[in-house]
PDB file of all heavy atoms in Angstrom:
ATOM      1  N   ASN A   1      17.906 -10.477  18.807  1.00  0.00           N
ATOM      2  CA  ASN A   1      17.185 -10.701  20.048  1.00  0.00           C
ATOM      3  C   ASN A   1      17.125  -9.444  20.905  1.00  0.00           C
ATOM      4  O   ASN A   1      16.185  -9.232  21.662  1.00  0.00           O
ATOM      5  CB  ASN A   1      17.845 -11.833  20.843  1.00  0.00           C
ATOM      6  CG  ASN A   1      17.622 -13.187  20.199  1.00  0.00           C
ATOM      7  OD1 ASN A   1      16.684 -13.344  19.425  1.00  0.00           O
ATOM      8  ND2 ASN A   1      18.462 -14.144  20.513  1.00  0.00           N
ATOM      9  N   THR A   2      18.149  -8.565  20.814  1.00  0.00           N
ATOM     10  CA  THR A   2      18.163  -7.358  21.636  1.00  0.00           C
ATOM     11  C   THR A   2      17.072  -6.375  21.247  1.00  0.00           C
ATOM     12  O   THR A   2      16.723  -5.486  22.006  1.00  0.00           O
ATOM     13  CB  THR A   2      19.533  -6.658  21.514  1.00  0.00           C
ATOM     14  OG1 THR A   2      19.798  -6.383  20.139  1.00  0.00           O
ATOM     15  CG2 THR A   2      20.629  -7.537  22.082  1.00  0.00           C
ATOM     16  N   ASP A   3      16.529  -6.541  20.056  1.00  0.00           N
ATOM     17  CA  ASP A   3      15.471  -5.641  19.591  1.00  0.00           C
ATOM     18  C   ASP A   3      14.088  -6.079  20.060  1.00  0.00           C
ATOM     19  O   ASP A   3      13.135  -5.309  19.963  1.00  0.00           O
ATOM     20  CB  ASP A   3      15.462  -5.571  18.065  1.00  0.00           C
ATOM     21  CG  ASP A   3      16.717  -4.945  17.501  1.00  0.00           C
ATOM     22  OD1 ASP A   3      17.283  -4.053  18.144  1.00  0.00           O
ATOM     23  OD2 ASP A   3      17.126  -5.389  16.421  1.00  0.00           O
ATOM     24  N   ARG A   4      13.943  -7.265  20.535  1.00  0.00           N
ATOM     25  CA  ARG A   4      12.618  -7.861  20.709  1.00  0.00           C
ATOM     26  C   ARG A   4      11.738  -7.130  21.711  1.00  0.00           C
ATOM     27  O   ARG A   4      10.530  -7.028  21.510  1.00  0.00           O
ATOM     28  CB  ARG A   4      12.750  -9.327  21.109  1.00  0.00           C
ATOM     29  CG  ARG A   4      13.296 -10.199  19.991  1.00  0.00           C
ATOM     30  CD  ARG A   4      13.261 -11.652  20.363  1.00  0.00           C
ATOM     31  NE  ARG A   4      13.544 -12.475  19.188  1.00  0.00           N
ATOM     32  CZ  ARG A   4      13.156 -13.741  19.053  1.00  0.00           C
ATOM     33  NH1 ARG A   4      12.474 -14.313  20.020  1.00  0.00           N
ATOM     34  NH2 ARG A   4      13.439 -14.421  17.965  1.00  0.00           N
ATOM     35  N   SER A   5      12.301  -6.644  22.771  1.00  0.00           N
ATOM     36  CA  SER A   5      11.476  -5.997  23.794  1.00  0.00           C
ATOM     37  C   SER A   5      10.830  -4.713  23.289  1.00  0.00           C
ATOM     38  O   SER A   5       9.881  -4.208  23.889  1.00  0.00           O
ATOM     39  CB  SER A   5      12.311  -5.695  25.040  1.00  0.00           C
ATOM     40  OG  SER A   5      13.339  -4.758  24.726  1.00  0.00           O
ATOM     41  N   LYS A   6      11.339  -4.187  22.180  1.00  0.00           N
ATOM     42  CA  LYS A   6      10.791  -2.961  21.610  1.00  0.00           C
ATOM     43  C   LYS A   6       9.867  -3.239  20.430  1.00  0.00           C
ATOM     44  O   LYS A   6       9.322  -2.297  19.846  1.00  0.00           O
ATOM     45  CB  LYS A   6      11.936  -2.048  21.158  1.00  0.00           C
ATOM     46  CG  LYS A   6      12.891  -1.644  22.268  1.00  0.00           C
ATOM     47  CD  LYS A   6      14.025  -0.795  21.735  1.00  0.00           C
ATOM     48  CE  LYS A   6      15.018  -0.436  22.835  1.00  0.00           C
ATOM     49  NZ  LYS A   6      16.149   0.361  22.318  1.00  0.00           N
ATOM     50  N   GLN A   7       9.713  -4.499  20.071  1.00  0.00           N
ATOM     51  CA  GLN A   7       8.924  -4.862  18.899  1.00  0.00           C
ATOM     52  C   GLN A   7       7.508  -5.262  19.317  1.00  0.00           C
ATOM     53  O   GLN A   7       7.313  -6.271  19.999  1.00  0.00           O
ATOM     54  CB  GLN A   7       9.586  -6.029  18.147  1.00  0.00           C
ATOM     55  CG  GLN A   7      11.012  -5.760  17.703  1.00  0.00           C
ATOM     56  CD  GLN A   7      11.080  -4.713  16.609  1.00  0.00           C
ATOM     57  OE1 GLN A   7      10.228  -4.657  15.734  1.00  0.00           O
ATOM     58  NE2 GLN A   7      12.115  -3.891  16.645  1.00  0.00           N
ATOM     59  N   SER A   8       6.515  -4.475  18.919  1.00  0.00           N
ATOM     60  CA  SER A   8       5.128  -4.811  19.240  1.00  0.00           C
ATOM     61  C   SER A   8       4.472  -5.528  18.073  1.00  0.00           C
ATOM     62  O   SER A   8       4.807  -5.303  16.912  1.00  0.00           O
ATOM     63  CB  SER A   8       4.345  -3.551  19.606  1.00  0.00           C
ATOM     64  OG  SER A   8       4.245  -2.692  18.493  1.00  0.00           O
ATOM     65  N   ILE A   9       3.537  -6.396  18.401  1.00  0.00           N
ATOM     66  CA  ILE A   9       2.836  -7.219  17.421  1.00  0.00           C
ATOM     67  C   ILE A   9       1.337  -6.970  17.559  1.00  0.00           C
ATOM     68  O   ILE A   9       0.800  -6.988  18.669  1.00  0.00           O
ATOM     69  CB  ILE A   9       3.137  -8.716  17.640  1.00  0.00           C
ATOM     70  CG1 ILE A   9       4.633  -8.996  17.494  1.00  0.00           C
ATOM     71  CG2 ILE A   9       2.327  -9.580  16.673  1.00  0.00           C
ATOM     72  CD1 ILE A   9       5.039 -10.416  17.874  1.00  0.00           C
ATOM     73  N   VAL A  10       0.680  -6.732  16.433  1.00  0.00           N
ATOM     74  CA  VAL A  10      -0.777  -6.622  16.405  1.00  0.00           C
ATOM     75  C   VAL A  10      -1.313  -7.740  15.524  1.00  0.00           C
ATOM     76  O   VAL A  10      -0.838  -7.947  14.398  1.00  0.00           O
ATOM     77  CB  VAL A  10      -1.256  -5.259  15.869  1.00  0.00           C
ATOM     78  CG1 VAL A  10      -2.774  -5.209  15.818  1.00  0.00           C
ATOM     79  CG2 VAL A  10      -0.726  -4.126  16.741  1.00  0.00           C
ATOM     80  N   ILE A  11      -2.293  -8.456  16.043  1.00  0.00           N
ATOM     81  CA  ILE A  11      -2.866  -9.601  15.343  1.00  0.00           C
ATOM     82  C   ILE A  11      -4.355  -9.369  15.148  1.00  0.00           C
ATOM     83  O   ILE A  11      -5.093  -9.188  16.124  1.00  0.00           O
ATOM     84  CB  ILE A  11      -2.657 -10.897  16.147  1.00  0.00           C
ATOM     85  CG1 ILE A  11      -1.178 -11.107  16.460  1.00  0.00           C
ATOM     86  CG2 ILE A  11      -3.227 -12.102  15.391  1.00  0.00           C
ATOM     87  CD1 ILE A  11      -0.919 -11.998  17.659  1.00  0.00           C
ATOM     88  N   LEU A  12      -4.797  -9.343  13.908  1.00  0.00           N
ATOM     89  CA  LEU A  12      -6.225  -9.271  13.594  1.00  0.00           C
ATOM     90  C   LEU A  12      -6.729 -10.683  13.344  1.00  0.00           C
ATOM     91  O   LEU A  12      -6.158 -11.414  12.535  1.00  0.00           O
ATOM     92  CB  LEU A  12      -6.448  -8.415  12.347  1.00  0.00           C
ATOM     93  CG  LEU A  12      -7.878  -8.391  11.792  1.00  0.00           C
ATOM     94  CD1 LEU A  12      -8.822  -7.684  12.753  1.00  0.00           C
ATOM     95  CD2 LEU A  12      -7.909  -7.729  10.414  1.00  0.00           C
ATOM     96  N   THR A  13      -7.786 -11.075  14.053  1.00  0.00           N
ATOM     97  CA  THR A  13      -8.357 -12.399  13.815  1.00  0.00           C
ATOM     98  C   THR A  13      -9.818 -12.279  13.395  1.00  0.00           C
ATOM     99  O   THR A  13     -10.536 -11.379  13.830  1.00  0.00           O
ATOM    100  CB  THR A  13      -8.260 -13.319  15.048  1.00  0.00           C
ATOM    101  OG1 THR A  13      -9.062 -12.795  16.126  1.00  0.00           O
ATOM    102  CG2 THR A  13      -6.817 -13.467  15.508  1.00  0.00           C
ATOM    103  N   GLY A  14     -10.219 -13.209  12.532  1.00  0.00           N
ATOM    104  CA  GLY A  14     -11.595 -13.269  12.059  1.00  0.00           C
ATOM    105  C   GLY A  14     -12.182 -14.653  12.259  1.00  0.00           C
ATOM    106  O   GLY A  14     -11.589 -15.511  12.922  1.00  0.00           O
ATOM    107  N   ALA A  15     -13.319 -14.884  11.648  1.00  0.00           N
ATOM    108  CA  ALA A  15     -14.074 -16.110  11.885  1.00  0.00           C
ATOM    109  C   ALA A  15     -13.297 -17.369  11.517  1.00  0.00           C
ATOM    110  O   ALA A  15     -13.551 -18.442  12.062  1.00  0.00           O
ATOM    111  CB  ALA A  15     -15.381 -16.066  11.096  1.00  0.00           C
ATOM    112  N   GLY A  16     -12.325 -17.236  10.596  1.00  0.00           N
ATOM    113  CA  GLY A  16     -11.580 -18.405  10.155  1.00  0.00           C
ATOM    114  C   GLY A  16     -10.811 -19.102  11.256  1.00  0.00           C
ATOM    115  O   GLY A  16     -10.622 -20.323  11.200  1.00  0.00           O
ATOM    116  N   ILE A  17     -10.371 -18.366  12.285  1.00  0.00           N
ATOM    117  CA  ILE A  17      -9.605 -19.017  13.343  1.00  0.00           C
ATOM    118  C   ILE A  17     -10.523 -19.804  14.280  1.00  0.00           C
ATOM    119  O   ILE A  17     -10.091 -20.769  14.914  1.00  0.00           O
ATOM    120  CB  ILE A  17      -8.758 -17.999  14.143  1.00  0.00           C
ATOM    121  CG1 ILE A  17      -7.687 -18.728  14.961  1.00  0.00           C
ATOM    122  CG2 ILE A  17      -9.627 -17.112  15.016  1.00  0.00           C
ATOM    123  CD1 ILE A  17      -6.654 -17.810  15.590  1.00  0.00           C
ATOM    124  N   SER A  18     -11.791 -19.419  14.367  1.00  0.00           N
ATOM    125  CA  SER A  18     -12.725 -20.128  15.246  1.00  0.00           C
ATOM    126  C   SER A  18     -13.490 -21.235  14.526  1.00  0.00           C
ATOM    127  O   SER A  18     -14.120 -22.071  15.176  1.00  0.00           O
ATOM    128  CB  SER A  18     -13.716 -19.142  15.870  1.00  0.00           C
ATOM    129  OG  SER A  18     -13.060 -18.245  16.738  1.00  0.00           O
ATOM    130  N   LYS A  19     -13.435 -21.254  13.204  1.00  0.00           N
ATOM    131  CA  LYS A  19     -14.171 -22.274  12.456  1.00  0.00           C
ATOM    132  C   LYS A  19     -13.720 -23.675  12.826  1.00  0.00           C
ATOM    133  O   LYS A  19     -14.546 -24.593  12.954  1.00  0.00           O
ATOM    134  CB  LYS A  19     -13.990 -22.043  10.950  1.00  0.00           C
ATOM    135  CG  LYS A  19     -14.772 -23.037  10.092  1.00  0.00           C
ATOM    136  CD  LYS A  19     -14.629 -22.717   8.616  1.00  0.00           C
ATOM    137  CE  LYS A  19     -15.470 -23.688   7.776  1.00  0.00           C
ATOM    138  NZ  LYS A  19     -15.362 -23.375   6.333  1.00  0.00           N
ATOM    139  N   GLU A  20     -12.407 -23.840  13.042  1.00  0.00           N
ATOM    140  CA  GLU A  20     -11.905 -25.173  13.372  1.00  0.00           C
ATOM    141  C   GLU A  20     -12.246 -25.599  14.795  1.00  0.00           C
ATOM    142  O   GLU A  20     -12.021 -26.742  15.170  1.00  0.00           O
ATOM    143  CB  GLU A  20     -10.398 -25.226  13.143  1.00  0.00           C
ATOM    144  CG  GLU A  20     -10.024 -25.145  11.673  1.00  0.00           C
ATOM    145  CD  GLU A  20      -8.529 -25.219  11.460  1.00  0.00           C
ATOM    146  OE1 GLU A  20      -7.977 -26.337  11.537  1.00  0.00           O
ATOM    147  OE2 GLU A  20      -7.906 -24.160  11.235  1.00  0.00           O
ATOM    148  N   SER A  21     -12.814 -24.679  15.574  1.00  0.00           N
ATOM    149  CA  SER A  21     -13.331 -25.029  16.898  1.00  0.00           C
ATOM    150  C   SER A  21     -14.802 -25.415  16.822  1.00  0.00           C
ATOM    151  O   SER A  21     -15.406 -25.748  17.845  1.00  0.00           O
ATOM    152  CB  SER A  21     -13.148 -23.852  17.864  1.00  0.00           C
ATOM    153  OG  SER A  21     -11.780 -23.653  18.164  1.00  0.00           O
ATOM    154  N   GLY A  22     -15.390 -25.315  15.631  1.00  0.00           N
ATOM    155  CA  GLY A  22     -16.777 -25.722  15.447  1.00  0.00           C
ATOM    156  C   GLY A  22     -17.769 -24.583  15.377  1.00  0.00           C
ATOM    157  O   GLY A  22     -18.980 -24.826  15.315  1.00  0.00           O
ATOM    158  N   LEU A  23     -17.292 -23.339  15.370  1.00  0.00           N
ATOM    159  CA  LEU A  23     -18.207 -22.198  15.259  1.00  0.00           C
ATOM    160  C   LEU A  23     -18.404 -21.817  13.806  1.00  0.00           C
ATOM    161  O   LEU A  23     -17.453 -21.819  13.019  1.00  0.00           O
ATOM    162  CB  LEU A  23     -17.657 -21.002  16.045  1.00  0.00           C
ATOM    163  CG  LEU A  23     -17.584 -21.184  17.565  1.00  0.00           C
ATOM    164  CD1 LEU A  23     -17.023 -19.927  18.213  1.00  0.00           C
ATOM    165  CD2 LEU A  23     -18.961 -21.501  18.147  1.00  0.00           C
ATOM    166  N   ASP A  24     -19.624 -21.452  13.454  1.00  0.00           N
ATOM    167  CA  ASP A  24     -19.948 -21.108  12.079  1.00  0.00           C
ATOM    168  C   ASP A  24     -19.270 -19.805  11.669  1.00  0.00           C
ATOM    169  O   ASP A  24     -19.161 -18.867  12.455  1.00  0.00           O
ATOM    170  CB  ASP A  24     -21.463 -20.941  11.905  1.00  0.00           C
ATOM    171  CG  ASP A  24     -22.211 -22.254  12.061  1.00  0.00           C
ATOM    172  OD1 ASP A  24     -21.606 -23.308  11.813  1.00  0.00           O
ATOM    173  OD2 ASP A  24     -23.398 -22.197  12.431  1.00  0.00           O
TER     174      ASP A  24
END
């Protein structure tokens, strides 16, 4: 847990995450 403030996260998202919201 002491390392967490120094750990950065990058997330790439594509069309698949919006498909379940009804977007083509």
